Amino acid sequence: MSYLRFIYLSFFCALISIFSFFNIIYSYYFNLYLNLNTYLYTLIISILLSIIFYFIKNNNKKFTIYSKILTVLLGYFLLPLIISIPFYLSIYNLSLLNSYFEAISGFTSTGFSIFENIKHIDQSLILWRSSSQWIGGLYFLFSIIFLIDIYDNSFKKSLTNFLSFDKSETIKQTLKIFFLYTGLTLFIFIVLNFLNIRSFNSLNLALSIISSGGFLPTNSLNSILNNDIQIIVFSLLLLISFFSIFLTYNLIFYKNRNLDFFHEDLNLLLYFLVILSLFFLFFNLNNNFSHIFLSLTSSVSNIGFSFNSVPSNLIFIFLILVIIGGSFFSTSSGLRFLKIYSLLKYSINEVLSYSRPKNVYINKLLFSKTNFNLIETHKYFLSILIFIISLFILTILLSIGGIDFDKSFKLSILTLMNTVNSDTYGMADFNFSNLNFLTKNCLIIFMIIGRVELLSILIIFKKFLFKN
């Protein structure tokens, strides 16, 4: 099993080399020679690292959860360093820090960008930005499988009956994720083409949507989506990264499984329909609802895309939706709706049990026959607590860095939830290129913290602070 940690990193280095090769072919085909050599260097370096990781042998048979978490964290720092090469060696004179910031932002599917005007970037580099999101989204899904042992049993049961994954089960689930992820990307690309959206934009948007990324191939969506049909269909496509990536697979190969197998997606569907109804009833009178609908779907899926005409009075509501997030087995970030709902139901039942001691209150979710236990509730509470602490720390650090408190607070939420700074949150004009050295590094670290399961951060702290 310990051998998988190096195969894990080797696979993604090889994946970067494949996308580098695609960019070389794309540049040759469309005569984009300005940054051609940068992809060649990236191809060579990524292939060498892939070979090195593949042939590394680890004689330590004991592969602990700490080793797994550190391996995932290593990937979040190392792989963006390779991805940053085309940015750093491009003709746009980006510093190493700015290049790494752009790569981290793409790899964590956040979408913060150093570039102020996308029109000034050549198409091959725009495609590279979108590719970094696709690779990062797949890396995030693989890391869930890799760290499956730190999650509660209810999440494991939605994948398999095994309590812990061996080598063959891990490979089986990662292959399933890879083909689903690739197939859904192709599906989004085809649908966007049917909407008469330019193929180049369709490809970049497909790579962004499936990964919950925030990079756009243009300066704004207004120049891509021209009518309500395009907006509505595009908004519905954003929900693909809100629901579980296994939903499509389970629906197609559904046999004798009952509704309990789909309980997370059914809860998410009910949650989405409720907030959609509330938005339609209360915010549909004086606003273009198709634009509101896009901001709604974009927020729940932690993508962050929006138009330039989002009402400022809805900013706080959209931020709350960003914090809640989507499915556990999706590329969205957030605290996860099911965790918040479970914790809320458990808290209400505890209060009621004291006020009405003769009644029995069961901690069971809708559409599910399984009860969540006290240990799972403690995990949910710790995740929320770590998020609040991280939000507080990052807000203070950004404020010290010269950003006013209101923007620091919003930017902290978007950073930890890996959501792009758009008009939906009143942050579209924020300039990342002018941030100082320490502020950029803080954002880099907290973008990674937001992408790694918050509980894993606590486990690492426990390892080093309480060694006994």
Protein backbone atom coordinates (compact mmCIF):
# COMPACT_ATOMS: atom_id res chain seq x y z
CA MET A 1 0.00 0.00 0.00
CA SER A 2 2.91 2.37 0.76
CA TYR A 3 3.99 2.06 -2.88
CA LEU A 4 0.77 3.85 -3.89
CA ARG A 5 1.97 7.14 -2.40
CA PHE A 6 4.64 7.43 -5.11
CA ILE A 7 2.43 6.04 -7.88
CA TYR A 8 -0.07 8.72 -6.82
CA LEU A 9 2.44 11.54 -7.43
CA SER A 10 3.90 9.82 -10.50
CA PHE A 11 0.48 9.64 -12.15
CA PHE A 12 -0.18 13.37 -11.77
CA CYS A 13 3.29 14.33 -13.00
CA ALA A 14 2.55 12.18 -16.06
CA LEU A 15 -0.83 13.89 -16.42
CA ILE A 16 0.87 17.30 -16.44
CA SER A 17 3.23 16.05 -19.15
CA ILE A 18 0.23 14.92 -21.27
CA PHE A 19 -1.39 18.35 -21.01
CA SER A 20 1.98 19.94 -21.83
CA PHE A 21 2.12 17.83 -24.98
CA PHE A 22 -1.44 18.85 -25.89
CA ASN A 23 -0.47 22.50 -25.49
CA ILE A 24 2.54 22.00 -27.75
CA ILE A 25 0.32 20.44 -30.44
CA TYR A 26 -2.26 23.22 -29.96
CA SER A 27 0.42 25.92 -30.27
CA TYR A 28 1.81 24.38 -33.46
CA TYR A 29 -1.62 23.94 -35.02
CA PHE A 30 -2.68 27.55 -34.42
CA ASN A 31 0.80 29.06 -34.96
CA LEU A 32 1.14 30.23 -31.33
CA TYR A 33 4.92 30.16 -30.98
CA LEU A 34 5.42 32.82 -28.28
CA ASN A 35 5.34 30.43 -25.30
CA LEU A 36 5.96 27.16 -27.11
CA ASN A 37 9.30 26.38 -25.43
CA THR A 38 7.79 26.76 -21.95
CA TYR A 39 5.53 23.75 -22.51
CA LEU A 40 8.48 21.75 -23.82
CA TYR A 41 10.42 22.42 -20.60
CA THR A 42 7.36 21.51 -18.55
CA LEU A 43 6.97 18.29 -20.55
CA ILE A 44 10.57 17.23 -19.90
CA ILE A 45 10.54 18.09 -16.18
CA SER A 46 7.17 16.45 -15.50
CA ILE A 47 8.18 13.24 -17.33
CA LEU A 48 11.45 13.03 -15.38
CA LEU A 49 9.65 13.50 -12.06
CA SER A 50 7.01 10.97 -13.04
CA ILE A 51 9.72 8.36 -13.77
CA ILE A 52 11.55 9.16 -10.51
CA PHE A 53 8.39 8.80 -8.41
CA TYR A 54 7.42 5.61 -10.23
CA PHE A 55 10.70 3.82 -9.48
CA ILE A 56 11.07 4.99 -5.88
CA LYS A 57 10.76 2.06 -3.51
CA ASN A 58 9.65 2.46 0.08
CA ASN A 59 10.77 -0.31 2.40
CA ASN A 60 8.58 0.99 5.20
CA LYS A 61 5.55 -1.29 5.16
CA LYS A 62 3.69 0.76 7.74
CA PHE A 63 1.81 3.46 5.85
CA THR A 64 0.04 5.63 8.43
CA ILE A 65 -2.68 8.22 7.96
CA TYR A 66 -0.07 10.89 8.72
CA SER A 67 2.02 9.69 5.78
CA LYS A 68 -1.03 9.84 3.53
CA ILE A 69 -1.91 13.40 4.57
CA LEU A 70 1.67 14.57 4.13
CA THR A 71 1.78 12.94 0.68
CA VAL A 72 -1.38 14.80 -0.39
CA LEU A 73 0.02 18.07 0.99
CA LEU A 74 3.32 17.47 -0.84
CA GLY A 75 1.36 17.14 -4.08
CA TYR A 76 -0.45 20.43 -3.43
CA PHE A 77 2.89 22.24 -3.15
CA LEU A 78 4.96 20.33 -5.72
CA LEU A 79 2.57 19.87 -8.67
CA PRO A 80 1.66 23.60 -8.91
CA LEU A 81 5.40 24.31 -8.96
CA ILE A 82 5.64 22.32 -12.19
CA ILE A 83 2.45 23.95 -13.52
CA SER A 84 3.92 27.41 -12.83
CA ILE A 85 6.78 26.91 -15.33
CA PRO A 86 4.83 28.16 -18.42
CA PHE A 87 3.69 31.21 -16.44
CA TYR A 88 7.19 32.04 -15.23
CA LEU A 89 8.92 31.51 -18.60
CA SER A 90 6.20 33.23 -20.63
CA ILE A 91 6.59 36.60 -22.34
CA TYR A 92 4.48 38.31 -19.65
CA ASN A 93 7.38 38.81 -17.20
CA LEU A 94 5.68 37.24 -14.20
CA SER A 95 7.74 36.83 -11.05
CA LEU A 96 8.23 33.35 -9.59
CA LEU A 97 5.80 34.15 -6.75
CA ASN A 98 3.12 35.45 -9.14
CA SER A 99 3.55 32.40 -11.36
CA TYR A 100 3.26 30.06 -8.40
CA PHE A 101 0.24 32.00 -7.11
CA GLU A 102 -1.53 31.57 -10.47
CA ALA A 103 -0.67 27.86 -10.53
CA ILE A 104 -1.86 27.28 -6.94
CA SER A 105 -5.05 29.20 -7.65
CA GLY A 106 -5.74 26.99 -10.66
CA PHE A 107 -4.71 23.71 -9.03
CA THR A 108 -6.90 24.34 -5.97
CA SER A 109 -9.76 25.37 -8.30
CA THR A 110 -9.97 28.79 -6.66
CA GLY A 111 -9.69 31.15 -9.64
CA PHE A 112 -7.80 34.13 -8.19
CA SER A 113 -5.75 35.56 -11.04
CA ILE A 114 -2.69 37.75 -11.36
CA PHE A 115 -3.72 38.68 -14.92
CA GLU A 116 -5.88 41.81 -15.07
CA ASN A 117 -6.86 41.49 -18.73
CA ILE A 118 -7.36 37.99 -20.17
CA LYS A 119 -7.53 39.43 -23.72
CA HIS A 120 -3.81 40.15 -23.52
CA ILE A 121 -2.94 36.47 -22.92
CA ASP A 122 -2.34 34.11 -25.82
CA GLN A 123 -4.76 31.20 -26.19
CA SER A 124 -2.27 28.47 -25.30
CA LEU A 125 -1.67 30.00 -21.86
CA ILE A 126 -5.41 30.46 -21.31
CA LEU A 127 -5.83 26.77 -22.06
CA TRP A 128 -2.98 25.96 -19.67
CA ARG A 129 -4.73 27.89 -16.88
CA SER A 130 -7.91 25.88 -17.42
CA SER A 131 -5.96 22.63 -17.62
CA SER A 132 -4.41 23.32 -14.22
CA GLN A 133 -7.92 23.43 -12.74
CA TRP A 134 -8.89 20.13 -14.38
CA ILE A 135 -5.79 18.41 -13.03
CA GLY A 136 -6.35 19.93 -9.59
CA GLY A 137 -10.00 18.84 -9.49
CA LEU A 138 -9.02 15.26 -10.30
CA TYR A 139 -6.24 15.42 -7.69
CA PHE A 140 -8.79 16.52 -5.09
CA LEU A 141 -11.12 13.60 -5.88
CA PHE A 142 -8.22 11.15 -5.76
CA SER A 143 -7.12 12.58 -2.41
CA ILE A 144 -10.56 11.79 -0.97
CA ILE A 145 -10.00 8.12 -1.86
CA PHE A 146 -6.43 8.33 -0.60
CA LEU A 147 -7.57 9.74 2.78
CA ILE A 148 -10.79 7.72 3.01
CA ASP A 149 -9.84 6.31 6.43
CA ILE A 150 -10.24 9.67 8.20
CA TYR A 151 -13.88 10.00 7.13
CA ASP A 152 -16.90 8.51 8.83
CA ASN A 153 -18.41 5.19 7.75
CA SER A 154 -21.51 6.73 6.18
CA PHE A 155 -19.34 8.37 3.50
CA LYS A 156 -17.37 5.16 2.95
CA LYS A 157 -20.55 3.13 2.48
CA SER A 158 -21.59 5.33 -0.44
CA LEU A 159 -18.50 3.99 -2.23
CA THR A 160 -17.92 0.47 -1.01
CA ASN A 161 -18.58 -2.09 1.70
CA PHE A 162 -14.88 -2.20 2.61
CA LEU A 163 -14.00 -0.54 5.92
CA SER A 164 -10.55 0.34 4.62
CA PHE A 165 -9.19 0.36 1.07
CA ASP A 166 -6.47 -2.03 0.01
CA LYS A 167 -4.37 -1.47 -3.13
CA SER A 168 -6.82 -3.10 -5.56
CA GLU A 169 -9.87 -1.28 -4.15
CA THR A 170 -8.05 2.07 -4.25
CA ILE A 171 -7.08 1.54 -7.90
CA LYS A 172 -10.63 0.45 -8.75
CA GLN A 173 -12.22 3.57 -7.26
CA THR A 174 -9.64 5.97 -8.72
CA LEU A 175 -10.13 4.51 -12.20
CA LYS A 176 -13.89 4.89 -11.81
CA ILE A 177 -13.40 8.54 -10.81
CA PHE A 178 -11.03 9.19 -13.72
CA PHE A 179 -13.44 7.89 -16.37
CA LEU A 180 -16.45 9.63 -14.80
CA TYR A 181 -14.54 12.90 -14.50
CA THR A 182 -13.32 12.71 -18.11
CA GLY A 183 -16.73 11.65 -19.42
CA LEU A 184 -18.56 14.47 -17.64
CA THR A 185 -16.00 16.97 -18.98
CA LEU A 186 -16.69 15.77 -22.52
CA PHE A 187 -20.46 15.96 -21.88
CA ILE A 188 -20.21 19.59 -20.69
CA PHE A 189 -18.06 20.48 -23.72
CA ILE A 190 -20.60 18.97 -26.15
CA VAL A 191 -23.56 20.72 -24.48
CA LEU A 192 -21.78 24.09 -24.56
CA ASN A 193 -21.06 23.61 -28.25
CA PHE A 194 -24.74 22.88 -28.89
CA LEU A 195 -25.45 26.27 -27.26
CA ASN A 196 -23.41 27.88 -30.07
CA ILE A 197 -20.62 28.87 -27.74
CA ARG A 198 -17.22 29.09 -29.41
CA SER A 199 -15.36 25.76 -29.18
CA PHE A 200 -12.31 27.31 -27.50
CA ASN A 201 -14.50 28.89 -24.82
CA SER A 202 -16.52 25.68 -24.48
CA LEU A 203 -13.37 23.65 -23.84
CA ASN A 204 -12.03 26.05 -21.23
CA LEU A 205 -15.40 26.35 -19.50
CA ALA A 206 -15.82 22.57 -19.45
CA LEU A 207 -12.44 22.21 -17.73
CA SER A 208 -13.45 24.87 -15.20
CA ILE A 209 -16.99 23.63 -14.48
CA ILE A 210 -16.12 19.99 -13.80
CA SER A 211 -13.35 21.05 -11.39
CA SER A 212 -15.35 23.83 -9.66
CA GLY A 213 -12.68 26.20 -10.93
CA GLY A 214 -12.99 29.93 -11.39
CA PHE A 215 -10.84 30.72 -14.43
CA LEU A 216 -12.65 32.20 -17.43
CA PRO A 217 -11.27 32.28 -21.00
CA THR A 218 -12.44 35.92 -21.29
CA ASN A 219 -12.71 38.89 -18.97
CA SER A 220 -16.39 38.23 -18.19
CA LEU A 221 -19.27 35.84 -18.89
CA ASN A 222 -21.21 38.66 -20.55
CA SER A 223 -19.13 38.20 -23.69
CA ILE A 224 -19.85 34.43 -23.82
CA LEU A 225 -23.49 33.95 -22.79
CA ASN A 226 -25.82 36.06 -24.93
CA ASN A 227 -29.36 34.81 -24.23
CA ASP A 228 -31.47 33.34 -21.44
CA ILE A 229 -31.41 29.79 -22.86
CA GLN A 230 -27.61 29.76 -22.79
CA ILE A 231 -27.62 31.18 -19.25
CA ILE A 232 -30.13 28.66 -17.86
CA VAL A 233 -28.45 25.62 -19.44
CA PHE A 234 -25.02 26.88 -18.39
CA SER A 235 -26.32 27.37 -14.82
CA LEU A 236 -27.65 23.81 -14.74
CA LEU A 237 -24.27 22.51 -15.92
CA LEU A 238 -22.66 24.19 -12.91
CA LEU A 239 -24.65 21.81 -10.68
CA ILE A 240 -22.60 18.86 -11.99
CA SER A 241 -19.85 19.84 -9.56
CA PHE A 242 -22.45 20.36 -6.79
CA PHE A 243 -23.72 16.78 -6.73
CA SER A 244 -21.61 13.67 -6.21
CA ILE A 245 -19.40 12.65 -9.11
CA PHE A 246 -20.76 9.11 -8.65
CA LEU A 247 -24.38 10.21 -9.14
CA THR A 248 -24.33 9.64 -12.91
CA TYR A 249 -22.68 6.25 -12.50
CA ASN A 250 -25.13 5.15 -9.82
CA LEU A 251 -28.13 6.24 -11.86
CA ILE A 252 -26.96 4.36 -14.95
CA PHE A 253 -25.95 1.18 -13.14
CA TYR A 254 -28.71 1.36 -10.53
CA LYS A 255 -30.00 -2.12 -9.74
CA ASN A 256 -31.25 -3.21 -6.33
CA ARG A 257 -30.04 -0.24 -4.32
CA ASN A 258 -32.66 1.63 -2.33
CA LEU A 259 -32.98 5.37 -1.83
CA ASP A 260 -30.60 5.17 1.12
CA PHE A 261 -27.77 4.79 -1.39
CA PHE A 262 -28.64 8.21 -2.87
CA HIS A 263 -29.44 9.94 0.42
CA GLU A 264 -26.75 12.65 0.13
CA ASP A 265 -27.73 13.68 -3.40
CA LEU A 266 -31.44 13.59 -2.49
CA ASN A 267 -30.78 15.84 0.50
CA LEU A 268 -28.78 18.17 -1.72
CA LEU A 269 -31.55 18.25 -4.30
CA LEU A 270 -34.13 19.13 -1.64
CA TYR A 271 -31.82 21.82 -0.24
CA PHE A 272 -31.27 23.32 -3.69
CA LEU A 273 -35.00 23.32 -4.55
CA VAL A 274 -35.81 25.09 -1.27
CA ILE A 275 -33.29 27.90 -1.79
CA LEU A 276 -34.27 28.15 -5.47
CA SER A 277 -37.92 28.60 -4.45
CA LEU A 278 -36.99 31.25 -1.89
CA PHE A 279 -34.92 33.14 -4.44
CA PHE A 280 -37.70 32.94 -7.02
CA LEU A 281 -40.33 34.20 -4.55
CA PHE A 282 -38.38 37.00 -2.91
CA PHE A 283 -35.70 38.14 -5.38
CA ASN A 284 -37.42 37.76 -8.75
CA LEU A 285 -39.40 41.02 -8.90
CA ASN A 286 -36.83 43.67 -9.72
CA ASN A 287 -33.99 41.46 -10.98
CA ASN A 288 -33.10 39.39 -14.02
CA PHE A 289 -33.77 35.95 -12.55
CA SER A 290 -31.61 34.11 -15.08
CA HIS A 291 -28.62 36.10 -13.78
CA ILE A 292 -29.63 35.42 -10.18
CA PHE A 293 -30.06 31.73 -10.99
CA LEU A 294 -26.52 31.56 -12.40
CA SER A 295 -25.08 33.21 -9.29
CA LEU A 296 -27.08 30.78 -7.14
CA THR A 297 -25.87 27.61 -8.89
CA SER A 298 -22.36 29.04 -9.10
CA SER A 299 -22.29 29.72 -5.35
CA VAL A 300 -23.62 26.34 -4.17
CA SER A 301 -21.05 24.61 -6.41
CA ASN A 302 -18.23 26.92 -5.19
CA ILE A 303 -17.33 28.06 -8.70
CA GLY A 304 -18.19 31.74 -8.35
CA PHE A 305 -19.01 32.71 -11.95
CA SER A 306 -21.40 35.63 -12.34
CA PHE A 307 -22.49 38.50 -14.52
CA ASN A 308 -21.77 42.15 -13.84
CA SER A 309 -25.33 42.85 -12.68
CA VAL A 310 -25.67 41.00 -9.36
CA PRO A 311 -27.63 42.93 -6.64
CA SER A 312 -25.35 44.00 -3.80
CA ASN A 313 -28.00 43.15 -1.18
CA LEU A 314 -27.59 39.42 -1.98
CA ILE A 315 -23.81 39.27 -1.39
CA PHE A 316 -24.10 37.97 2.18
CA ILE A 317 -26.59 35.26 1.18
CA PHE A 318 -24.33 34.05 -1.64
CA LEU A 319 -21.38 33.93 0.77
CA ILE A 320 -23.41 31.73 3.13
CA LEU A 321 -24.18 29.36 0.24
CA VAL A 322 -20.46 29.26 -0.61
CA ILE A 323 -19.62 28.28 2.98
CA ILE A 324 -22.21 25.48 3.02
CA GLY A 325 -20.89 23.90 -0.20
CA GLY A 326 -22.08 20.78 -1.99
CA SER A 327 -21.58 17.03 -2.00
CA PHE A 328 -18.79 15.24 -0.20
CA PHE A 329 -17.73 13.34 -3.34
CA SER A 330 -17.83 16.40 -5.62
CA THR A 331 -15.14 18.87 -6.64
CA SER A 332 -16.91 21.67 -4.74
CA SER A 333 -15.42 22.98 -1.51
CA GLY A 334 -17.40 24.30 1.46
CA LEU A 335 -18.11 22.72 4.81
CA ARG A 336 -20.50 20.30 3.06
CA PHE A 337 -24.26 20.57 3.40
CA LEU A 338 -24.70 17.11 4.93
CA LYS A 339 -22.27 17.90 7.75
CA ILE A 340 -24.02 21.13 8.65
CA TYR A 341 -27.46 19.53 8.41
CA SER A 342 -26.38 16.55 10.55
CA LEU A 343 -24.84 18.79 13.19
CA LEU A 344 -27.93 21.03 13.25
CA LYS A 345 -30.29 18.08 13.62
CA TYR A 346 -28.18 16.55 16.36
CA SER A 347 -28.11 19.86 18.28
CA ILE A 348 -31.88 20.30 18.00
CA ASN A 349 -32.46 16.72 19.19
CA GLU A 350 -30.17 17.28 22.17
CA VAL A 351 -32.09 20.40 23.19
CA LEU A 352 -35.45 18.65 22.76
CA SER A 353 -34.29 15.61 24.73
CA TYR A 354 -33.77 17.83 27.78
CA SER A 355 -37.04 19.73 27.40
CA ARG A 356 -39.04 16.57 26.65
CA PRO A 357 -37.13 13.68 28.28
CA LYS A 358 -39.90 11.14 27.70
CA ASN A 359 -39.60 11.40 23.93
CA VAL A 360 -37.01 9.55 21.87
CA TYR A 361 -35.18 11.54 19.16
CA ILE A 362 -33.35 9.70 16.40
CA ASN A 363 -30.33 11.24 14.67
CA LYS A 364 -31.17 10.11 11.17
CA LEU A 365 -31.04 12.03 7.90
CA LEU A 366 -33.85 12.27 5.38
CA PHE A 367 -33.87 9.48 2.77
CA SER A 368 -31.51 7.45 4.95
CA LYS A 369 -31.98 4.51 7.31
CA THR A 370 -28.58 4.96 8.91
CA ASN A 371 -28.12 6.89 12.14
CA PHE A 372 -25.07 9.12 12.51
CA ASN A 373 -23.27 8.58 15.80
CA LEU A 374 -21.63 10.87 18.32
CA ILE A 375 -18.12 10.39 16.91
CA GLU A 376 -19.24 11.58 13.47
CA THR A 377 -20.92 14.62 15.04
CA HIS A 378 -17.70 15.49 16.83
CA LYS A 379 -15.85 15.36 13.51
CA TYR A 380 -18.38 17.69 11.92
CA PHE A 381 -18.11 20.11 14.83
CA LEU A 382 -14.29 20.10 14.65
CA SER A 383 -14.39 20.83 10.91
CA ILE A 384 -16.60 23.87 11.47
CA LEU A 385 -14.46 25.00 14.41
CA ILE A 386 -11.27 24.75 12.33
CA PHE A 387 -12.94 26.73 9.55
CA ILE A 388 -13.92 29.53 11.97
CA ILE A 389 -10.40 29.65 13.41
CA SER A 390 -8.85 29.66 9.93
CA LEU A 391 -11.25 32.39 8.80
CA PHE A 392 -10.36 34.51 11.83
CA ILE A 393 -6.60 34.07 11.33
CA LEU A 394 -6.65 34.77 7.59
CA THR A 395 -8.88 37.83 7.99
CA ILE A 396 -6.44 39.31 10.51
CA LEU A 397 -3.42 38.51 8.30
CA LEU A 398 -5.04 40.12 5.25
CA SER A 399 -6.04 43.18 7.29
CA ILE A 400 -2.45 43.53 8.51
CA GLY A 401 -1.39 43.29 4.86
CA GLY A 402 -3.27 46.52 4.08
CA ILE A 403 -6.64 45.20 2.89
CA ASP A 404 -9.67 46.76 4.56
CA PHE A 405 -11.60 44.51 6.95
CA ASP A 406 -14.71 44.06 4.79
CA LYS A 407 -12.70 42.85 1.79
CA SER A 408 -10.40 40.81 4.03
CA PHE A 409 -13.38 38.96 5.49
CA LYS A 410 -14.95 38.24 2.09
CA LEU A 411 -11.62 37.25 0.55
CA SER A 412 -10.91 34.92 3.47
CA ILE A 413 -14.20 33.10 2.93
CA LEU A 414 -13.57 32.80 -0.81
CA THR A 415 -9.99 31.60 -0.22
CA LEU A 416 -10.95 28.88 2.27
CA MET A 417 -13.91 27.82 0.12
CA ASN A 418 -11.80 27.95 -3.11
CA THR A 419 -14.28 30.25 -4.89
CA VAL A 420 -13.37 32.95 -7.39
CA ASN A 421 -13.76 36.65 -6.51
CA SER A 422 -16.61 37.74 -8.80
CA ASP A 423 -19.35 40.38 -8.78
CA THR A 424 -21.55 37.94 -6.86
CA TYR A 425 -19.45 38.72 -3.79
CA GLY A 426 -18.58 42.34 -4.63
CA MET A 427 -14.92 41.45 -5.25
CA ALA A 428 -14.58 41.45 -9.04
CA ASP A 429 -12.22 44.44 -9.14
CA PHE A 430 -9.81 43.09 -6.53
CA ASN A 431 -6.20 43.24 -7.76
CA PHE A 432 -4.00 40.31 -6.71
CA SER A 433 -0.88 41.40 -8.59
CA ASN A 434 -0.36 44.38 -6.27
CA LEU A 435 -0.47 42.35 -3.05
CA ASN A 436 2.74 42.20 -1.03
CA PHE A 437 4.94 39.12 -0.59
CA LEU A 438 3.52 37.98 2.76
CA THR A 439 -0.13 38.45 1.74
CA LYS A 440 0.30 36.35 -1.41
CA ASN A 441 1.99 33.60 0.55
CA CYS A 442 -0.81 33.63 3.12
CA LEU A 443 -3.38 33.23 0.36
CA ILE A 444 -1.36 30.38 -1.17
CA ILE A 445 -1.22 28.48 2.13
CA PHE A 446 -4.89 29.00 2.94
CA MET A 447 -6.02 28.06 -0.59
CA ILE A 448 -4.35 24.70 0.05
CA ILE A 449 -5.83 24.44 3.55
CA GLY A 450 -9.26 25.06 2.05
CA ARG A 451 -8.78 22.25 -0.46
CA VAL A 452 -7.48 19.70 2.02
CA GLU A 453 -10.15 18.23 4.31
CA LEU A 454 -10.06 20.45 7.41
CA LEU A 455 -10.07 17.43 9.69
CA SER A 456 -6.75 16.31 8.19
CA ILE A 457 -5.16 19.59 9.31
CA LEU A 458 -6.23 18.83 12.88
CA ILE A 459 -4.75 15.33 12.62
CA ILE A 460 -1.38 16.76 11.54
CA PHE A 461 -1.44 19.27 14.42
CA LYS A 462 -2.27 16.45 16.81
CA LYS A 463 0.66 14.41 15.50
CA PHE A 464 3.24 17.15 16.14
CA LEU A 465 1.76 18.81 19.23
CA PHE A 466 0.71 15.69 21.11
CA LYS A 467 3.28 13.07 20.19
CA ASN A 468 2.13 10.65 22.85
